[in-house]
N, C-alpha and C. Protein backbone atom coordinates (compact mmCIF):
# COMPACT_ATOMS: atom_id res chain seq x y z
N UNK A 1 -107.90 -16.69 112.24
CA UNK A 1 -107.92 -15.27 112.55
C UNK A 1 -109.26 -14.67 112.11
N UNK A 2 -109.77 -13.81 112.93
CA UNK A 2 -111.07 -13.21 112.66
C UNK A 2 -110.96 -12.16 111.54
N UNK A 3 -111.99 -12.12 110.74
CA UNK A 3 -112.01 -11.14 109.65
C UNK A 3 -112.68 -9.85 110.09
N UNK A 4 -113.16 -9.82 111.33
CA UNK A 4 -113.77 -8.59 111.83
C UNK A 4 -112.67 -7.62 112.26
N UNK A 5 -112.83 -6.37 111.88
CA UNK A 5 -111.84 -5.38 112.25
C UNK A 5 -112.08 -4.93 113.69
N UNK A 6 -111.02 -4.73 114.47
CA UNK A 6 -111.21 -4.34 115.86
C UNK A 6 -111.90 -2.98 116.00
N UNK A 7 -111.71 -2.09 115.06
CA UNK A 7 -112.42 -0.82 115.08
C UNK A 7 -112.92 -0.51 113.67
N UNK A 8 -113.96 0.26 113.58
CA UNK A 8 -114.55 0.53 112.27
C UNK A 8 -113.61 1.29 111.34
N UNK A 9 -113.76 1.08 110.06
CA UNK A 9 -113.00 1.82 109.06
C UNK A 9 -113.53 3.25 108.97
N UNK A 10 -112.76 4.19 108.43
CA UNK A 10 -113.22 5.58 108.36
C UNK A 10 -114.21 5.83 107.21
N UNK A 11 -115.20 4.97 107.08
CA UNK A 11 -116.17 5.09 105.99
C UNK A 11 -117.03 6.34 106.12
N UNK A 12 -117.50 6.71 107.33
CA UNK A 12 -118.31 7.93 107.41
C UNK A 12 -117.59 9.18 106.89
N UNK A 13 -116.31 9.27 107.14
CA UNK A 13 -115.56 10.44 106.65
C UNK A 13 -115.49 10.44 105.13
N UNK A 14 -115.28 9.26 104.55
CA UNK A 14 -115.23 9.15 103.08
C UNK A 14 -116.58 9.52 102.49
N UNK A 15 -117.67 9.03 103.10
CA UNK A 15 -119.01 9.34 102.59
C UNK A 15 -119.32 10.83 102.72
N UNK A 16 -118.91 11.45 103.82
CA UNK A 16 -119.16 12.88 104.00
C UNK A 16 -118.39 13.72 102.98
N UNK A 17 -117.18 13.25 102.58
CA UNK A 17 -116.42 13.98 101.56
C UNK A 17 -117.07 13.83 100.19
N UNK A 18 -117.56 12.63 99.89
CA UNK A 18 -118.13 12.38 98.56
C UNK A 18 -119.54 12.97 98.42
N UNK A 19 -120.29 13.00 99.51
CA UNK A 19 -121.67 13.51 99.49
C UNK A 19 -121.83 14.60 100.54
N UNK A 20 -121.36 15.79 100.25
CA UNK A 20 -121.44 16.86 101.26
C UNK A 20 -122.87 17.38 101.41
N UNK A 21 -123.50 17.03 102.48
CA UNK A 21 -124.84 17.52 102.80
C UNK A 21 -124.83 17.83 104.29
N UNK A 22 -125.05 19.10 104.68
CA UNK A 22 -124.93 19.45 106.10
C UNK A 22 -126.00 18.79 106.98
N UNK A 23 -127.12 18.36 106.41
CA UNK A 23 -128.18 17.76 107.21
C UNK A 23 -128.02 16.25 107.41
N UNK A 24 -127.07 15.63 106.70
CA UNK A 24 -126.91 14.18 106.78
C UNK A 24 -125.60 13.86 107.49
N UNK A 25 -125.72 12.98 108.49
CA UNK A 25 -124.53 12.54 109.22
C UNK A 25 -124.44 11.02 109.12
N UNK A 26 -123.28 10.54 108.76
CA UNK A 26 -123.07 9.11 108.62
C UNK A 26 -122.42 8.57 109.89
N UNK A 27 -122.76 7.34 110.20
CA UNK A 27 -122.20 6.69 111.38
C UNK A 27 -121.87 5.26 111.03
N UNK A 28 -120.74 4.80 111.48
CA UNK A 28 -120.39 3.40 111.24
C UNK A 28 -120.53 2.62 112.53
N UNK A 29 -120.65 1.34 112.37
CA UNK A 29 -120.90 0.47 113.51
C UNK A 29 -120.16 -0.85 113.28
N UNK A 30 -119.48 -1.32 114.30
CA UNK A 30 -118.81 -2.61 114.16
C UNK A 30 -119.84 -3.73 114.36
N UNK A 31 -119.47 -4.93 113.97
CA UNK A 31 -120.36 -6.06 114.14
C UNK A 31 -120.62 -6.34 115.63
N UNK A 32 -119.62 -6.07 116.45
CA UNK A 32 -119.79 -6.25 117.89
C UNK A 32 -120.86 -5.31 118.43
N UNK A 33 -120.84 -4.06 117.98
CA UNK A 33 -121.85 -3.09 118.41
C UNK A 33 -123.23 -3.48 117.91
N UNK A 34 -123.30 -3.96 116.67
CA UNK A 34 -124.58 -4.41 116.14
C UNK A 34 -125.13 -5.59 116.93
N UNK A 35 -124.26 -6.52 117.25
CA UNK A 35 -124.67 -7.69 118.02
C UNK A 35 -125.17 -7.29 119.40
N UNK A 36 -124.49 -6.37 120.06
CA UNK A 36 -124.95 -5.94 121.39
C UNK A 36 -126.27 -5.18 121.28
N UNK A 37 -126.47 -4.42 120.21
CA UNK A 37 -127.73 -3.71 120.02
C UNK A 37 -128.88 -4.70 119.80
N UNK A 38 -128.64 -5.72 119.01
CA UNK A 38 -129.67 -6.73 118.77
C UNK A 38 -129.96 -7.51 120.04
N UNK A 39 -128.94 -7.86 120.81
CA UNK A 39 -129.16 -8.58 122.07
C UNK A 39 -129.96 -7.74 123.06
N UNK A 40 -129.65 -6.44 123.11
CA UNK A 40 -130.39 -5.56 124.01
C UNK A 40 -131.85 -5.45 123.58
N UNK A 41 -132.08 -5.31 122.28
CA UNK A 41 -133.47 -5.23 121.78
C UNK A 41 -134.23 -6.52 122.06
N UNK A 42 -133.56 -7.65 121.87
CA UNK A 42 -134.21 -8.94 122.12
C UNK A 42 -134.54 -9.11 123.59
N UNK A 43 -133.66 -8.70 124.47
CA UNK A 43 -133.95 -8.83 125.90
C UNK A 43 -135.09 -7.92 126.33
N UNK A 44 -135.17 -6.73 125.75
CA UNK A 44 -136.28 -5.83 126.07
C UNK A 44 -137.60 -6.43 125.59
N UNK A 45 -137.61 -6.99 124.38
CA UNK A 45 -138.84 -7.62 123.87
C UNK A 45 -139.23 -8.82 124.73
N UNK A 46 -138.26 -9.58 125.20
CA UNK A 46 -138.55 -10.71 126.08
C UNK A 46 -139.20 -10.24 127.37
N UNK A 47 -138.69 -9.16 127.94
CA UNK A 47 -139.28 -8.62 129.16
C UNK A 47 -140.70 -8.12 128.93
N UNK A 48 -140.94 -7.49 127.79
CA UNK A 48 -142.29 -7.00 127.48
C UNK A 48 -143.25 -8.17 127.34
N UNK A 49 -142.83 -9.20 126.62
CA UNK A 49 -143.69 -10.38 126.43
C UNK A 49 -143.95 -11.07 127.76
N UNK A 50 -142.93 -11.16 128.61
CA UNK A 50 -143.12 -11.77 129.93
C UNK A 50 -144.08 -10.95 130.79
N UNK A 51 -144.01 -9.62 130.68
CA UNK A 51 -144.95 -8.78 131.44
C UNK A 51 -146.38 -8.98 130.96
N UNK A 52 -146.56 -9.06 129.64
CA UNK A 52 -147.90 -9.30 129.10
C UNK A 52 -148.42 -10.66 129.55
N UNK A 53 -147.56 -11.68 129.54
CA UNK A 53 -147.97 -13.01 129.99
C UNK A 53 -148.33 -13.00 131.47
N UNK A 54 -147.56 -12.27 132.28
CA UNK A 54 -147.88 -12.16 133.71
C UNK A 54 -149.21 -11.48 133.94
N UNK A 55 -149.48 -10.43 133.18
CA UNK A 55 -150.78 -9.75 133.31
C UNK A 55 -151.90 -10.69 132.90
N UNK A 56 -151.68 -11.47 131.84
CA UNK A 56 -152.70 -12.43 131.40
C UNK A 56 -152.96 -13.47 132.48
N UNK A 57 -151.91 -13.92 133.17
CA UNK A 57 -152.11 -14.89 134.25
C UNK A 57 -152.91 -14.28 135.40
N UNK A 58 -152.61 -13.05 135.74
CA UNK A 58 -153.35 -12.40 136.82
C UNK A 58 -154.82 -12.23 136.43
N UNK A 59 -155.08 -11.81 135.20
CA UNK A 59 -156.46 -11.64 134.74
C UNK A 59 -157.18 -12.98 134.72
N UNK A 60 -156.48 -14.03 134.28
CA UNK A 60 -157.09 -15.37 134.30
C UNK A 60 -157.40 -15.83 135.71
N UNK A 61 -156.50 -15.56 136.65
CA UNK A 61 -156.75 -15.92 138.04
C UNK A 61 -157.94 -15.17 138.62
N UNK A 62 -158.05 -13.89 138.29
CA UNK A 62 -159.20 -13.12 138.76
C UNK A 62 -160.48 -13.66 138.14
N UNK A 63 -160.41 -14.08 136.88
CA UNK A 63 -161.58 -14.68 136.23
C UNK A 63 -162.01 -15.96 136.92
N UNK A 64 -161.05 -16.80 137.29
CA UNK A 64 -161.37 -18.04 138.00
C UNK A 64 -161.96 -17.72 139.37
N UNK A 65 -161.40 -16.72 140.04
CA UNK A 65 -161.94 -16.33 141.35
C UNK A 65 -163.39 -15.88 141.20
N UNK A 66 -163.67 -15.08 140.17
CA UNK A 66 -165.04 -14.59 139.98
C UNK A 66 -166.00 -15.73 139.65
N UNK A 67 -165.58 -16.64 138.79
CA UNK A 67 -166.45 -17.77 138.44
C UNK A 67 -166.72 -18.64 139.66
N UNK A 68 -165.69 -18.91 140.43
CA UNK A 68 -165.87 -19.74 141.61
C UNK A 68 -166.67 -19.01 142.69
N UNK A 69 -166.51 -17.70 142.78
CA UNK A 69 -167.30 -16.92 143.74
C UNK A 69 -168.78 -16.98 143.39
N UNK A 70 -169.08 -16.86 142.10
CA UNK A 70 -170.47 -16.99 141.66
C UNK A 70 -170.98 -18.40 141.93
N UNK A 71 -170.14 -19.41 141.67
CA UNK A 71 -170.55 -20.79 141.91
C UNK A 71 -170.84 -21.04 143.38
N UNK A 72 -170.01 -20.47 144.26
CA UNK A 72 -170.23 -20.67 145.69
C UNK A 72 -171.48 -19.95 146.17
N UNK A 73 -171.67 -18.71 145.74
CA UNK A 73 -172.83 -17.95 146.22
C UNK A 73 -174.14 -18.49 145.65
N UNK A 74 -174.11 -19.00 144.42
CA UNK A 74 -175.33 -19.56 143.85
C UNK A 74 -175.65 -20.95 144.41
N UNK A 75 -174.66 -21.60 144.97
CA UNK A 75 -174.88 -22.96 145.43
C UNK A 75 -174.84 -23.06 146.95
N UNK A 76 -175.22 -22.01 147.64
CA UNK A 76 -175.21 -22.07 149.11
C UNK A 76 -176.24 -23.08 149.62
N UNK A 77 -177.34 -23.22 148.93
CA UNK A 77 -178.34 -24.22 149.35
C UNK A 77 -177.77 -25.63 149.19
N UNK A 78 -177.07 -25.83 148.06
CA UNK A 78 -176.46 -27.15 147.84
C UNK A 78 -175.39 -27.44 148.90
N UNK A 79 -174.62 -26.43 149.25
CA UNK A 79 -173.60 -26.60 150.28
C UNK A 79 -174.26 -26.93 151.61
N UNK A 80 -175.34 -26.22 151.92
CA UNK A 80 -176.08 -26.51 153.16
C UNK A 80 -176.64 -27.92 153.16
N UNK A 81 -177.17 -28.37 152.03
CA UNK A 81 -177.69 -29.73 151.94
C UNK A 81 -176.57 -30.76 152.10
N UNK A 82 -175.42 -30.50 151.47
CA UNK A 82 -174.28 -31.42 151.62
C UNK A 82 -173.83 -31.50 153.08
N UNK A 83 -173.81 -30.34 153.76
CA UNK A 83 -173.40 -30.34 155.17
C UNK A 83 -174.44 -31.05 156.04
N UNK A 84 -175.72 -30.92 155.66
CA UNK A 84 -176.77 -31.61 156.42
C UNK A 84 -176.68 -33.12 156.23
N UNK A 85 -176.20 -33.53 155.07
CA UNK A 85 -176.05 -34.96 154.80
C UNK A 85 -174.77 -35.54 155.38
N UNK A 86 -173.93 -34.69 155.95
CA UNK A 86 -172.75 -35.19 156.63
C UNK A 86 -171.42 -34.84 155.98
N UNK A 87 -171.44 -34.05 154.93
CA UNK A 87 -170.18 -33.66 154.28
C UNK A 87 -169.48 -32.62 155.14
N UNK A 88 -168.21 -32.81 155.34
CA UNK A 88 -167.47 -31.82 156.13
C UNK A 88 -166.94 -30.72 155.21
N UNK A 89 -166.40 -29.70 155.82
CA UNK A 89 -165.90 -28.54 155.07
C UNK A 89 -164.84 -28.95 154.07
N UNK A 90 -163.99 -29.90 154.41
CA UNK A 90 -162.92 -30.37 153.53
C UNK A 90 -163.48 -31.01 152.26
N UNK A 91 -164.56 -31.79 152.40
CA UNK A 91 -165.17 -32.43 151.23
C UNK A 91 -165.74 -31.39 150.26
N UNK A 92 -166.39 -30.37 150.80
CA UNK A 92 -166.96 -29.33 149.96
C UNK A 92 -165.85 -28.52 149.28
N UNK A 93 -164.79 -28.23 150.02
CA UNK A 93 -163.65 -27.53 149.44
C UNK A 93 -163.03 -28.35 148.33
N UNK A 94 -162.93 -29.66 148.53
CA UNK A 94 -162.38 -30.55 147.51
C UNK A 94 -163.26 -30.56 146.26
N UNK A 95 -164.56 -30.50 146.43
CA UNK A 95 -165.48 -30.47 145.29
C UNK A 95 -165.26 -29.21 144.45
N UNK A 96 -165.14 -28.07 145.11
CA UNK A 96 -164.92 -26.82 144.38
C UNK A 96 -163.52 -26.79 143.76
N UNK A 97 -162.55 -27.37 144.45
CA UNK A 97 -161.20 -27.44 143.90
C UNK A 97 -161.18 -28.28 142.63
N UNK A 98 -161.89 -29.40 142.65
CA UNK A 98 -161.98 -30.24 141.45
C UNK A 98 -162.65 -29.49 140.31
N UNK A 99 -163.67 -28.73 140.61
CA UNK A 99 -164.35 -27.94 139.59
C UNK A 99 -163.41 -26.91 138.98
N UNK A 100 -162.62 -26.23 139.81
CA UNK A 100 -161.68 -25.23 139.31
C UNK A 100 -160.56 -25.87 138.50
N UNK A 101 -160.09 -27.04 138.94
CA UNK A 101 -159.04 -27.73 138.20
C UNK A 101 -159.55 -28.13 136.82
N UNK A 102 -160.79 -28.62 136.74
CA UNK A 102 -161.36 -28.98 135.44
C UNK A 102 -161.52 -27.74 134.56
N UNK A 103 -161.98 -26.65 135.15
CA UNK A 103 -162.16 -25.41 134.40
C UNK A 103 -160.82 -24.91 133.86
N UNK A 104 -159.79 -24.92 134.69
CA UNK A 104 -158.47 -24.45 134.25
C UNK A 104 -157.82 -25.42 133.27
N UNK A 105 -158.10 -26.71 133.42
CA UNK A 105 -157.54 -27.69 132.49
C UNK A 105 -158.07 -27.45 131.08
N UNK A 106 -159.38 -27.31 130.96
CA UNK A 106 -159.93 -27.10 129.63
C UNK A 106 -159.59 -25.71 129.08
N UNK A 107 -159.53 -24.73 129.95
CA UNK A 107 -159.09 -23.40 129.51
C UNK A 107 -157.64 -23.39 129.06
N UNK A 108 -156.79 -24.10 129.80
CA UNK A 108 -155.38 -24.20 129.42
C UNK A 108 -155.19 -24.97 128.13
N UNK A 109 -155.96 -26.05 127.96
CA UNK A 109 -155.89 -26.81 126.71
C UNK A 109 -156.31 -25.93 125.53
N UNK A 110 -157.37 -25.17 125.71
CA UNK A 110 -157.80 -24.27 124.64
C UNK A 110 -156.75 -23.22 124.33
N UNK A 111 -156.09 -22.70 125.35
CA UNK A 111 -155.03 -21.72 125.13
C UNK A 111 -153.83 -22.31 124.40
N UNK A 112 -153.45 -23.53 124.78
CA UNK A 112 -152.31 -24.17 124.12
C UNK A 112 -152.65 -24.46 122.65
N UNK A 113 -153.83 -24.98 122.41
CA UNK A 113 -154.23 -25.30 121.03
C UNK A 113 -154.30 -24.02 120.19
N UNK A 114 -154.91 -22.97 120.74
CA UNK A 114 -154.98 -21.71 120.00
C UNK A 114 -153.60 -21.09 119.81
N UNK A 115 -152.70 -21.25 120.78
CA UNK A 115 -151.35 -20.74 120.63
C UNK A 115 -150.60 -21.44 119.51
N UNK A 116 -150.72 -22.78 119.45
CA UNK A 116 -150.07 -23.51 118.37
C UNK A 116 -150.70 -23.16 117.02
N UNK A 117 -152.01 -22.99 116.99
CA UNK A 117 -152.67 -22.59 115.74
C UNK A 117 -152.20 -21.21 115.30
N UNK A 118 -152.11 -20.29 116.24
CA UNK A 118 -151.65 -18.93 115.91
C UNK A 118 -150.21 -18.93 115.41
N UNK A 119 -149.35 -19.72 116.05
CA UNK A 119 -147.95 -19.80 115.60
C UNK A 119 -147.88 -20.39 114.20
N UNK A 120 -148.70 -21.40 113.94
CA UNK A 120 -148.71 -22.01 112.60
C UNK A 120 -149.20 -21.00 111.57
N UNK A 121 -150.26 -20.23 111.92
CA UNK A 121 -150.81 -19.26 110.99
C UNK A 121 -149.78 -18.17 110.67
N UNK A 122 -149.10 -17.67 111.68
CA UNK A 122 -148.08 -16.65 111.46
C UNK A 122 -146.95 -17.21 110.60
N UNK A 123 -146.56 -18.46 110.84
CA UNK A 123 -145.49 -19.05 110.04
C UNK A 123 -145.92 -19.23 108.59
N UNK A 124 -147.19 -19.48 108.34
CA UNK A 124 -147.68 -19.61 106.97
C UNK A 124 -147.75 -18.25 106.27
N UNK A 125 -148.21 -17.24 106.98
CA UNK A 125 -148.33 -15.91 106.38
C UNK A 125 -146.97 -15.29 106.14
N UNK A 126 -146.06 -15.41 107.10
CA UNK A 126 -144.75 -14.77 106.99
C UNK A 126 -143.72 -15.64 106.28
N UNK A 127 -144.12 -16.84 105.89
CA UNK A 127 -143.22 -17.79 105.22
C UNK A 127 -142.00 -18.11 106.09
N UNK A 128 -142.25 -18.30 107.37
CA UNK A 128 -141.22 -18.72 108.30
C UNK A 128 -141.37 -20.21 108.53
N UNK A 129 -140.32 -20.87 108.93
CA UNK A 129 -140.51 -22.28 109.31
C UNK A 129 -141.30 -22.36 110.61
N UNK A 130 -142.23 -23.30 110.72
CA UNK A 130 -143.01 -23.39 111.96
C UNK A 130 -142.10 -23.72 113.13
N UNK A 131 -142.31 -23.03 114.24
CA UNK A 131 -141.48 -23.22 115.41
C UNK A 131 -142.30 -23.87 116.51
N UNK A 132 -141.73 -24.87 117.12
CA UNK A 132 -142.35 -25.52 118.27
C UNK A 132 -141.27 -25.72 119.31
N UNK A 133 -141.54 -25.40 120.55
CA UNK A 133 -140.50 -25.52 121.58
C UNK A 133 -140.26 -26.96 122.01
N UNK A 134 -140.44 -27.91 121.14
CA UNK A 134 -140.25 -29.31 121.50
C UNK A 134 -141.55 -29.90 121.97
N UNK A 135 -141.53 -30.48 123.13
CA UNK A 135 -142.75 -31.08 123.66
C UNK A 135 -142.99 -30.61 125.10
N UNK A 136 -143.25 -29.32 125.32
CA UNK A 136 -143.49 -28.83 126.67
C UNK A 136 -144.97 -28.86 127.02
N UNK A 137 -145.70 -29.81 126.44
CA UNK A 137 -147.15 -29.83 126.59
C UNK A 137 -147.56 -29.85 128.06
N UNK A 138 -147.01 -30.77 128.83
CA UNK A 138 -147.41 -30.87 130.25
C UNK A 138 -146.86 -29.70 131.05
N UNK A 139 -145.71 -29.20 130.63
CA UNK A 139 -145.13 -28.05 131.30
C UNK A 139 -146.00 -26.82 131.08
N UNK A 140 -146.49 -26.64 129.83
CA UNK A 140 -147.36 -25.51 129.54
C UNK A 140 -148.69 -25.62 130.29
N UNK A 141 -149.18 -26.83 130.43
CA UNK A 141 -150.47 -27.03 131.08
C UNK A 141 -150.38 -26.86 132.59
N UNK A 142 -149.18 -26.97 133.14
CA UNK A 142 -149.04 -26.85 134.59
C UNK A 142 -149.27 -25.41 135.07
N UNK A 143 -148.99 -24.41 134.24
CA UNK A 143 -149.20 -23.03 134.66
C UNK A 143 -150.67 -22.71 134.91
N UNK A 144 -151.57 -22.96 133.94
CA UNK A 144 -152.97 -22.66 134.26
C UNK A 144 -153.53 -23.53 135.36
N UNK A 145 -153.05 -24.78 135.46
CA UNK A 145 -153.53 -25.66 136.53
C UNK A 145 -153.13 -25.11 137.89
N UNK A 146 -151.88 -24.78 138.05
CA UNK A 146 -151.41 -24.28 139.34
C UNK A 146 -152.02 -22.94 139.70
N UNK A 147 -152.10 -22.05 138.73
CA UNK A 147 -152.65 -20.71 138.99
C UNK A 147 -154.14 -20.80 139.30
N UNK A 148 -154.87 -21.59 138.53
CA UNK A 148 -156.31 -21.72 138.76
C UNK A 148 -156.61 -22.41 140.07
N UNK A 149 -155.84 -23.42 140.41
CA UNK A 149 -156.07 -24.13 141.66
C UNK A 149 -155.78 -23.25 142.86
N UNK A 150 -154.72 -22.44 142.75
CA UNK A 150 -154.40 -21.57 143.88
C UNK A 150 -155.42 -20.43 144.01
N UNK A 151 -155.93 -19.94 142.88
CA UNK A 151 -156.92 -18.86 142.98
C UNK A 151 -158.31 -19.39 143.31
N UNK A 152 -158.48 -20.71 143.29
CA UNK A 152 -159.78 -21.28 143.63
C UNK A 152 -160.00 -21.32 145.14
N UNK A 153 -158.97 -21.29 145.93
CA UNK A 153 -159.12 -21.42 147.37
C UNK A 153 -159.78 -20.21 148.01
N UNK A 154 -159.79 -19.07 147.34
CA UNK A 154 -160.34 -17.86 147.96
C UNK A 154 -161.85 -17.92 148.13
N UNK A 155 -162.65 -18.22 147.07
CA UNK A 155 -164.11 -18.20 147.27
C UNK A 155 -164.66 -19.24 148.25
N UNK A 156 -164.28 -20.53 148.17
CA UNK A 156 -164.89 -21.48 149.11
C UNK A 156 -164.46 -21.28 150.56
N UNK A 157 -163.29 -20.72 150.78
CA UNK A 157 -162.80 -20.58 152.15
C UNK A 157 -163.46 -19.41 152.84
N UNK A 158 -163.84 -18.38 152.07
CA UNK A 158 -164.45 -17.23 152.71
C UNK A 158 -165.84 -17.63 153.23
N UNK A 159 -166.26 -17.08 154.34
CA UNK A 159 -167.56 -17.45 154.90
C UNK A 159 -168.71 -16.98 154.02
N UNK A 160 -169.78 -17.78 153.86
CA UNK A 160 -170.90 -17.35 153.04
C UNK A 160 -171.63 -16.17 153.68
N UNK A 161 -172.16 -15.31 152.84
CA UNK A 161 -172.83 -14.08 153.31
C UNK A 161 -174.20 -14.38 153.84
């Protein structure tokens, strides 16, 4: 049998009788209400963190687009030379895709390493046990790879100015 009471005890009324202050109001809360409040707060924080992560992904994708756009515009002579030597459009696109994949791979690795370092630092300062989500290393690395590779297709595909 559960030791939780189905409804709160009349503690606020007892406190108001013992400590009569017109500016202070007491409120009681059952454990079920507390649990639902904590769950609601946790879900809101999860949504906020997910929104920040989504914004970071968009900013990272725009950064990759800008870097690749600069690479394409600065290397138009190289692209022309490659085409003169017989490289087709697909080969040049593959070259830029490989460059973006390498850029996102090393950027993603740096982000994962810094994330683990930050989590370790917070756990040391706050005296919490270090938390690791298991071994999602390749899963974590797939996000920057996929996002960077998809945002790399914009600069090389657009016609040179």
